[in-house]
């Protein structure tokens, strides 16, 4: 199997740093996405995720991706919540299946609808199992997920192994944007013990201490989103998070 350019780059970054950080920029909530992207690149981000579970304005998304690409050198990776999250100019896309959704649309339907566009735009697909942990967030609501209870790590292991056996090289454990609780460290460790691919963890991670614990538990990639949107001192916190996860 020949890996795509972005996937190989991410593997190299993980090998180099141990755990890497990907900031998530919501194309509909960020007032100056290009400036934010430039700042996080300077502070150690390995790539930029653009999208979100409720992003529906494709024209705005395309504009944001193009602006970000003009300002940074690291890859721009789409993080779609639906087919509207597919946009030209991006380097890659988390081509995700929401494995614990109750709606087949979010498991294979949206993926089939978006696949032609991914091919047409020449975007590198990163085969990803998207697994929602907990309830009450936009990702949980929009994706109609049966959220994995925070105290049931074995259920996350089951879904992650299923993803591996179906050939998905990425697993994304997602507590959701603005989640009151992050994915538990014990759950991350349990999945890491069994899953052999690239493990992404996001949602509710707001401190260097939490990020460091999740990195130590075995996460390859940590996603930071809401903190960048809402915290006034997010730049200092982001720098501290990057240092904490690399120190593991």
C-alpha atoms as a PDB file:
ATOM      1  CA  UNK A   1       0.000   0.000   0.000  1.00  0.00           C
ATOM      2  CA  UNK A   2       1.340   3.405  -0.991  1.00  0.00           C
ATOM      3  CA  UNK A   3       0.318   6.108   1.457  1.00  0.00           C
ATOM      4  CA  UNK A   4      -0.712   9.535   0.232  1.00  0.00           C
ATOM      5  CA  UNK A   5       1.497  12.556   0.788  1.00  0.00           C
ATOM      6  CA  UNK A   6      -0.476  13.977   3.728  1.00  0.00           C
ATOM      7  CA  UNK A   7      -0.892  10.643   5.515  1.00  0.00           C
ATOM      8  CA  UNK A   8       2.838   9.967   5.240  1.00  0.00           C
ATOM      9  CA  UNK A   9       3.545  13.487   6.495  1.00  0.00           C
ATOM     10  CA  UNK A  10       1.305  12.941   9.542  1.00  0.00           C
ATOM     11  CA  UNK A  11       3.043   9.654  10.309  1.00  0.00           C
ATOM     12  CA  UNK A  12       6.417  11.367  10.100  1.00  0.00           C
ATOM     13  CA  UNK A  13       5.248  14.142  12.419  1.00  0.00           C
ATOM     14  CA  UNK A  14       3.944  11.578  14.941  1.00  0.00           C
ATOM     15  CA  UNK A  15       7.211   9.657  14.755  1.00  0.00           C
ATOM     16  CA  UNK A  16       9.126  12.886  15.323  1.00  0.00           C
ATOM     17  CA  UNK A  17       7.044  14.396  18.142  1.00  0.00           C
ATOM     18  CA  UNK A  18       5.175  11.441  19.706  1.00  0.00           C
ATOM     19  CA  UNK A  19       1.820  13.245  19.735  1.00  0.00           C
ATOM     20  CA  UNK A  20       0.836  16.107  17.450  1.00  0.00           C
ATOM     21  CA  UNK A  21      -1.829  18.805  17.652  1.00  0.00           C
ATOM     22  CA  UNK A  22      -4.320  19.685  14.928  1.00  0.00           C
ATOM     23  CA  UNK A  23      -6.372  22.832  15.595  1.00  0.00           C
ATOM     24  CA  UNK A  24      -9.926  22.775  14.247  1.00  0.00           C
ATOM     25  CA  UNK A  25     -11.157  25.956  12.590  1.00  0.00           C
ATOM     26  CA  UNK A  26     -14.905  26.207  12.108  1.00  0.00           C
ATOM     27  CA  UNK A  27     -15.428  27.952   8.762  1.00  0.00           C
ATOM     28  CA  UNK A  28     -18.680  29.523   9.963  1.00  0.00           C
ATOM     29  CA  UNK A  29     -17.542  30.741  13.390  1.00  0.00           C
ATOM     30  CA  UNK A  30     -14.025  32.038  12.775  1.00  0.00           C
ATOM     31  CA  UNK A  31     -13.779  35.732  11.914  1.00  0.00           C
ATOM     32  CA  UNK A  32     -10.201  35.577  10.632  1.00  0.00           C
ATOM     33  CA  UNK A  33      -9.398  31.943   9.939  1.00  0.00           C
ATOM     34  CA  UNK A  34      -6.234  32.677   7.946  1.00  0.00           C
ATOM     35  CA  UNK A  35      -4.714  34.710  10.788  1.00  0.00           C
ATOM     36  CA  UNK A  36      -5.568  31.989  13.318  1.00  0.00           C
ATOM     37  CA  UNK A  37      -4.046  29.344  11.044  1.00  0.00           C
ATOM     38  CA  UNK A  38      -0.839  31.335  10.718  1.00  0.00           C
ATOM     39  CA  UNK A  39      -0.569  31.737  14.505  1.00  0.00           C
ATOM     40  CA  UNK A  40      -1.130  28.055  15.299  1.00  0.00           C
ATOM     41  CA  UNK A  41       1.388  27.068  12.635  1.00  0.00           C
ATOM     42  CA  UNK A  42       3.954  29.277  14.367  1.00  0.00           C
ATOM     43  CA  UNK A  43       3.120  27.658  17.701  1.00  0.00           C
ATOM     44  CA  UNK A  44       3.604  24.076  16.543  1.00  0.00           C
ATOM     45  CA  UNK A  45       0.437  22.833  14.821  1.00  0.00           C
ATOM     46  CA  UNK A  46       1.234  20.011  12.405  1.00  0.00           C
ATOM     47  CA  UNK A  47      -1.804  20.604  10.158  1.00  0.00           C
ATOM     48  CA  UNK A  48      -5.085  22.521  10.167  1.00  0.00           C
ATOM     49  CA  UNK A  49      -8.534  20.940  10.293  1.00  0.00           C
ATOM     50  CA  UNK A  50     -11.322  22.959   8.691  1.00  0.00           C
ATOM     51  CA  UNK A  51     -15.000  22.123   9.026  1.00  0.00           C
ATOM     52  CA  UNK A  52     -17.342  21.115  11.818  1.00  0.00           C
ATOM     53  CA  UNK A  53     -20.526  19.162  12.375  1.00  0.00           C
ATOM     54  CA  UNK A  54     -22.845  22.037  11.390  1.00  0.00           C
ATOM     55  CA  UNK A  55     -20.859  23.695   8.574  1.00  0.00           C
ATOM     56  CA  UNK A  56     -23.304  24.022   5.661  1.00  0.00           C
ATOM     57  CA  UNK A  57     -22.075  27.022   3.648  1.00  0.00           C
ATOM     58  CA  UNK A  58     -19.924  25.497   0.906  1.00  0.00           C
ATOM     59  CA  UNK A  59     -19.016  28.860  -0.637  1.00  0.00           C
ATOM     60  CA  UNK A  60     -17.815  30.170   2.717  1.00  0.00           C
ATOM     61  CA  UNK A  61     -15.893  26.938   3.321  1.00  0.00           C
ATOM     62  CA  UNK A  62     -14.150  27.171  -0.055  1.00  0.00           C
ATOM     63  CA  UNK A  63     -13.224  30.784   0.655  1.00  0.00           C
ATOM     64  CA  UNK A  64     -11.833  29.973   4.104  1.00  0.00           C
ATOM     65  CA  UNK A  65      -9.782  27.023   2.817  1.00  0.00           C
ATOM     66  CA  UNK A  66      -8.289  29.146   0.020  1.00  0.00           C
ATOM     67  CA  UNK A  67      -7.415  31.964   2.439  1.00  0.00           C
ATOM     68  CA  UNK A  68      -5.767  29.592   4.892  1.00  0.00           C
ATOM     69  CA  UNK A  69      -3.799  27.858   2.130  1.00  0.00           C
ATOM     70  CA  UNK A  70      -2.395  31.219   1.019  1.00  0.00           C
ATOM     71  CA  UNK A  71      -0.967  31.923   4.479  1.00  0.00           C
ATOM     72  CA  UNK A  72       0.532  28.644   5.715  1.00  0.00           C
ATOM     73  CA  UNK A  73       2.770  25.786   4.599  1.00  0.00           C
ATOM     74  CA  UNK A  74       1.341  22.927   6.680  1.00  0.00           C
ATOM     75  CA  UNK A  75      -1.502  20.800   5.225  1.00  0.00           C
ATOM     76  CA  UNK A  76      -5.151  21.837   5.339  1.00  0.00           C
ATOM     77  CA  UNK A  77      -7.388  18.863   6.090  1.00  0.00           C
ATOM     78  CA  UNK A  78     -11.179  18.940   5.744  1.00  0.00           C
ATOM     79  CA  UNK A  79     -13.201  17.708   8.711  1.00  0.00           C
ATOM     80  CA  UNK A  80     -16.681  17.285   7.184  1.00  0.00           C
ATOM     81  CA  UNK A  81     -19.915  16.837   9.072  1.00  0.00           C
ATOM     82  CA  UNK A  82     -21.811  16.212   5.834  1.00  0.00           C
ATOM     83  CA  UNK A  83     -21.361  16.345   2.052  1.00  0.00           C
ATOM     84  CA  UNK A  84     -21.317  20.149   2.329  1.00  0.00           C
ATOM     85  CA  UNK A  85     -17.938  19.773   4.038  1.00  0.00           C
ATOM     86  CA  UNK A  86     -16.212  18.747   0.804  1.00  0.00           C
ATOM     87  CA  UNK A  87     -14.407  21.667  -0.799  1.00  0.00           C
ATOM     88  CA  UNK A  88     -11.673  22.187  -3.410  1.00  0.00           C
ATOM     89  CA  UNK A  89      -8.196  23.498  -2.532  1.00  0.00           C
ATOM     90  CA  UNK A  90      -7.787  21.328   0.593  1.00  0.00           C
ATOM     91  CA  UNK A  91      -4.867  18.912   0.773  1.00  0.00           C
ATOM     92  CA  UNK A  92      -6.764  16.033   2.394  1.00  0.00           C
ATOM     93  CA  UNK A  93     -10.041  15.065   4.027  1.00  0.00           C
ATOM     94  CA  UNK A  94     -10.920  12.951   7.037  1.00  0.00           C
ATOM     95  CA  UNK A  95     -13.065  10.606   4.963  1.00  0.00           C
ATOM     96  CA  UNK A  96     -15.133   9.562   7.941  1.00  0.00           C
ATOM     97  CA  UNK A  97     -17.790   7.020   8.746  1.00  0.00           C
ATOM     98  CA  UNK A  98     -19.730   7.725  11.943  1.00  0.00           C
ATOM     99  CA  UNK A  99     -19.704   4.126  13.075  1.00  0.00           C
ATOM    100  CA  UNK A 100     -22.035   4.516  16.058  1.00  0.00           C
ATOM    101  CA  UNK A 101     -24.738   6.494  14.260  1.00  0.00           C
ATOM    102  CA  UNK A 102     -28.265   5.118  14.198  1.00  0.00           C
ATOM    103  CA  UNK A 103     -28.721   6.600  10.714  1.00  0.00           C
ATOM    104  CA  UNK A 104     -27.103   4.722   7.776  1.00  0.00           C
ATOM    105  CA  UNK A 105     -26.745   8.080   6.009  1.00  0.00           C
ATOM    106  CA  UNK A 106     -23.879   9.024   8.326  1.00  0.00           C
ATOM    107  CA  UNK A 107     -22.254   5.589   8.045  1.00  0.00           C
ATOM    108  CA  UNK A 108     -22.162   5.188   4.250  1.00  0.00           C
ATOM    109  CA  UNK A 109     -24.752   7.453   2.589  1.00  0.00           C
ATOM    110  CA  UNK A 110     -23.046  10.839   2.865  1.00  0.00           C
ATOM    111  CA  UNK A 111     -19.741   9.180   2.033  1.00  0.00           C
ATOM    112  CA  UNK A 112     -21.098   7.821  -1.242  1.00  0.00           C
ATOM    113  CA  UNK A 113     -22.525  11.233  -2.138  1.00  0.00           C
ATOM    114  CA  UNK A 114     -19.255  13.005  -1.390  1.00  0.00           C
ATOM    115  CA  UNK A 115     -16.843  10.498  -2.923  1.00  0.00           C
ATOM    116  CA  UNK A 116     -17.076  11.792  -6.496  1.00  0.00           C
ATOM    117  CA  UNK A 117     -16.290  15.340  -5.355  1.00  0.00           C
ATOM    118  CA  UNK A 118     -13.265  14.121  -3.386  1.00  0.00           C
ATOM    119  CA  UNK A 119     -12.013  12.382  -6.522  1.00  0.00           C
ATOM    120  CA  UNK A 120     -12.817  15.351  -8.778  1.00  0.00           C
ATOM    121  CA  UNK A 121     -11.019  17.873  -6.569  1.00  0.00           C
ATOM    122  CA  UNK A 122      -7.984  15.630  -6.101  1.00  0.00           C
ATOM    123  CA  UNK A 123      -8.281  15.640  -2.294  1.00  0.00           C
ATOM    124  CA  UNK A 124      -6.374  12.915  -0.463  1.00  0.00           C
ATOM    125  CA  UNK A 125      -8.840  10.753   1.537  1.00  0.00           C
ATOM    126  CA  UNK A 126      -7.797   9.673   5.033  1.00  0.00           C
ATOM    127  CA  UNK A 127      -9.975   6.625   5.908  1.00  0.00           C
ATOM    128  CA  UNK A 128     -11.365   7.442   9.356  1.00  0.00           C
ATOM    129  CA  UNK A 129     -13.727   5.819  11.824  1.00  0.00           C
ATOM    130  CA  UNK A 130     -15.528   8.611  13.658  1.00  0.00           C
ATOM    131  CA  UNK A 131     -16.799   7.500  17.063  1.00  0.00           C
ATOM    132  CA  UNK A 132     -18.922   9.778  19.259  1.00  0.00           C
ATOM    133  CA  UNK A 133     -18.378   9.532  23.013  1.00  0.00           C
ATOM    134  CA  UNK A 134     -21.039  10.951  25.332  1.00  0.00           C
ATOM    135  CA  UNK A 135     -24.141  12.951  24.431  1.00  0.00           C
ATOM    136  CA  UNK A 136     -25.490  16.470  24.070  1.00  0.00           C
ATOM    137  CA  UNK A 137     -23.077  17.991  21.538  1.00  0.00           C
ATOM    138  CA  UNK A 138     -23.717  19.163  17.974  1.00  0.00           C
ATOM    139  CA  UNK A 139     -21.844  16.183  16.510  1.00  0.00           C
ATOM    140  CA  UNK A 140     -23.956  13.788  18.597  1.00  0.00           C
ATOM    141  CA  UNK A 141     -27.214  15.525  17.643  1.00  0.00           C
ATOM    142  CA  UNK A 142     -26.559  16.051  13.927  1.00  0.00           C
ATOM    143  CA  UNK A 143     -25.022  12.595  13.473  1.00  0.00           C
ATOM    144  CA  UNK A 144     -27.824  10.831  15.386  1.00  0.00           C
ATOM    145  CA  UNK A 145     -25.215   8.905  17.309  1.00  0.00           C
ATOM    146  CA  UNK A 146     -25.646   6.377  20.073  1.00  0.00           C
ATOM    147  CA  UNK A 147     -22.938   8.013  22.127  1.00  0.00           C
ATOM    148  CA  UNK A 148     -20.582   5.652  23.921  1.00  0.00           C
ATOM    149  CA  UNK A 149     -20.937   6.177  27.698  1.00  0.00           C
ATOM    150  CA  UNK A 150     -17.837   7.742  29.233  1.00  0.00           C
ATOM    151  CA  UNK A 151     -17.502   4.836  31.682  1.00  0.00           C
ATOM    152  CA  UNK A 152     -17.663   2.106  28.987  1.00  0.00           C
ATOM    153  CA  UNK A 153     -14.182   2.029  27.385  1.00  0.00           C
ATOM    154  CA  UNK A 154     -14.678  -1.510  26.089  1.00  0.00           C
ATOM    155  CA  UNK A 155     -17.393  -0.287  23.719  1.00  0.00           C
ATOM    156  CA  UNK A 156     -14.911   2.158  22.194  1.00  0.00           C
ATOM    157  CA  UNK A 157     -12.430  -0.702  21.837  1.00  0.00           C
ATOM    158  CA  UNK A 158     -15.025  -2.801  20.005  1.00  0.00           C
ATOM    159  CA  UNK A 159     -15.791  -0.054  17.484  1.00  0.00           C
ATOM    160  CA  UNK A 160     -12.093   0.742  17.014  1.00  0.00           C
ATOM    161  CA  UNK A 161     -11.189  -2.869  16.307  1.00  0.00           C
ATOM    162  CA  UNK A 162     -14.106  -3.109  13.875  1.00  0.00           C
ATOM    163  CA  UNK A 163     -12.715  -0.021  12.135  1.00  0.00           C
ATOM    164  CA  UNK A 164      -9.267  -1.602  11.925  1.00  0.00           C
ATOM    165  CA  UNK A 165     -10.634  -4.826  10.480  1.00  0.00           C
ATOM    166  CA  UNK A 166     -12.548  -2.792   7.866  1.00  0.00           C
ATOM    167  CA  UNK A 167      -9.309  -1.135   6.811  1.00  0.00           C
ATOM    168  CA  UNK A 168      -9.702   2.286   8.437  1.00  0.00           C
ATOM    169  CA  UNK A 169      -6.249   3.649   9.256  1.00  0.00           C
ATOM    170  CA  UNK A 170      -7.555   6.406  11.558  1.00  0.00           C
ATOM    171  CA  UNK A 171      -9.888   6.283  14.557  1.00  0.00           C
ATOM    172  CA  UNK A 172     -11.267   9.561  15.905  1.00  0.00           C
ATOM    173  CA  UNK A 173     -12.689   9.416  19.442  1.00  0.00           C
ATOM    174  CA  UNK A 174     -14.877  12.524  19.666  1.00  0.00           C
ATOM    175  CA  UNK A 175     -16.480  13.972  22.780  1.00  0.00           C
ATOM    176  CA  UNK A 176     -17.830  16.810  20.616  1.00  0.00           C
ATOM    177  CA  UNK A 177     -17.195  20.505  20.183  1.00  0.00           C
ATOM    178  CA  UNK A 178     -17.661  22.336  23.462  1.00  0.00           C
ATOM    179  CA  UNK A 179     -18.141  19.079  25.376  1.00  0.00           C
ATOM    180  CA  UNK A 180     -18.314  19.423  29.157  1.00  0.00           C
ATOM    181  CA  UNK A 181     -16.115  16.348  29.511  1.00  0.00           C
ATOM    182  CA  UNK A 182     -13.225  15.077  27.409  1.00  0.00           C
ATOM    183  CA  UNK A 183     -12.780  11.478  26.274  1.00  0.00           C
ATOM    184  CA  UNK A 184     -11.577   9.704  29.440  1.00  0.00           C
ATOM    185  CA  UNK A 185      -7.897   8.844  29.666  1.00  0.00           C
ATOM    186  CA  UNK A 186      -8.852   5.246  30.508  1.00  0.00           C
ATOM    187  CA  UNK A 187     -10.819   4.955  27.267  1.00  0.00           C
ATOM    188  CA  UNK A 188      -7.925   6.333  25.213  1.00  0.00           C
ATOM    189  CA  UNK A 189      -5.533   3.853  26.861  1.00  0.00           C
ATOM    190  CA  UNK A 190      -7.910   0.918  26.285  1.00  0.00           C
ATOM    191  CA  UNK A 191      -8.306   1.740  22.590  1.00  0.00           C
ATOM    192  CA  UNK A 192      -4.574   2.332  22.166  1.00  0.00           C
ATOM    193  CA  UNK A 193      -3.842  -1.108  23.607  1.00  0.00           C
ATOM    194  CA  UNK A 194      -5.882  -2.777  20.851  1.00  0.00           C
ATOM    195  CA  UNK A 195      -6.088  -0.436  17.854  1.00  0.00           C
ATOM    196  CA  UNK A 196      -3.024  -0.379  15.593  1.00  0.00           C
ATOM    197  CA  UNK A 197      -3.768   2.670  13.445  1.00  0.00           C
ATOM    198  CA  UNK A 198      -3.534   6.413  14.036  1.00  0.00           C
ATOM    199  CA  UNK A 199      -5.595   7.433  17.074  1.00  0.00           C
ATOM    200  CA  UNK A 200      -7.178  10.911  17.111  1.00  0.00           C
ATOM    201  CA  UNK A 201      -8.852  12.336  20.226  1.00  0.00           C
ATOM    202  CA  UNK A 202     -10.886  15.551  20.402  1.00  0.00           C
ATOM    203  CA  UNK A 203     -13.591  17.406  22.293  1.00  0.00           C
ATOM    204  CA  UNK A 204     -13.470  19.116  25.686  1.00  0.00           C
ATOM    205  CA  UNK A 205      -9.669  19.367  25.841  1.00  0.00           C
ATOM    206  CA  UNK A 206      -8.904  22.804  27.270  1.00  0.00           C
ATOM    207  CA  UNK A 207      -5.777  22.469  29.411  1.00  0.00           C
ATOM    208  CA  UNK A 208      -2.151  21.332  28.947  1.00  0.00           C
ATOM    209  CA  UNK A 209      -2.619  18.889  31.834  1.00  0.00           C
ATOM    210  CA  UNK A 210      -5.562  17.128  30.182  1.00  0.00           C
ATOM    211  CA  UNK A 211      -3.840  17.114  26.786  1.00  0.00           C
ATOM    212  CA  UNK A 212      -0.680  15.680  28.336  1.00  0.00           C
ATOM    213  CA  UNK A 213      -2.605  12.883  30.038  1.00  0.00           C
ATOM    214  CA  UNK A 214      -4.406  11.960  26.814  1.00  0.00           C
ATOM    215  CA  UNK A 215      -1.115  11.994  24.912  1.00  0.00           C
ATOM    216  CA  UNK A 216       0.504   9.784  27.539  1.00  0.00           C
ATOM    217  CA  UNK A 217      -2.446   7.380  27.287  1.00  0.00           C
ATOM    218  CA  UNK A 218      -1.597   6.843  23.628  1.00  0.00           C
ATOM    219  CA  UNK A 219      -3.287   9.439  21.424  1.00  0.00           C
ATOM    220  CA  UNK A 220      -1.325  10.152  18.245  1.00  0.00           C
ATOM    221  CA  UNK A 221      -3.254  13.324  17.395  1.00  0.00           C
ATOM    222  CA  UNK A 222      -5.093  15.742  19.683  1.00  0.00           C
ATOM    223  CA  UNK A 223      -7.663  18.125  18.208  1.00  0.00           C
ATOM    224  CA  UNK A 224      -8.248  21.545  19.786  1.00  0.00           C
ATOM    225  CA  UNK A 225     -11.234  23.618  18.620  1.00  0.00           C
ATOM    226  CA  UNK A 226     -13.540  25.430  21.024  1.00  0.00           C
ATOM    227  CA  UNK A 227     -10.680  26.826  23.114  1.00  0.00           C
ATOM    228  CA  UNK A 228      -9.352  28.686  20.067  1.00  0.00           C
ATOM    229  CA  UNK A 229     -12.790  30.124  19.319  1.00  0.00           C
ATOM    230  CA  UNK A 230     -13.701  31.253  22.827  1.00  0.00           C
ATOM    231  CA  UNK A 231     -10.660  31.738  25.079  1.00  0.00           C
ATOM    232  CA  UNK A 232      -9.088  35.175  25.056  1.00  0.00           C
ATOM    233  CA  UNK A 233      -5.653  33.802  25.948  1.00  0.00           C
ATOM    234  CA  UNK A 234      -5.883  30.828  23.609  1.00  0.00           C
ATOM    235  CA  UNK A 235      -2.480  31.433  22.005  1.00  0.00           C
ATOM    236  CA  UNK A 236      -0.611  30.929  25.258  1.00  0.00           C
ATOM    237  CA  UNK A 237      -2.751  27.899  26.112  1.00  0.00           C
ATOM    238  CA  UNK A 238      -2.222  26.395  22.670  1.00  0.00           C
ATOM    239  CA  UNK A 239       1.553  26.732  22.997  1.00  0.00           C
ATOM    240  CA  UNK A 240       1.392  25.065  26.411  1.00  0.00           C
ATOM    241  CA  UNK A 241      -0.698  22.198  25.035  1.00  0.00           C
ATOM    242  CA  UNK A 242       1.771  21.557  22.198  1.00  0.00           C
ATOM    243  CA  UNK A 243       4.647  21.493  24.697  1.00  0.00           C
ATOM    244  CA  UNK A 244       2.725  19.204  27.072  1.00  0.00           C
ATOM    245  CA  UNK A 245       1.864  16.573  24.465  1.00  0.00           C
ATOM    246  CA  UNK A 246       5.358  16.551  22.984  1.00  0.00           C
ATOM    247  CA  UNK A 247       6.883  16.140  26.447  1.00  0.00           C
ATOM    248  CA  UNK A 248       5.266  12.738  26.929  1.00  0.00           C
END
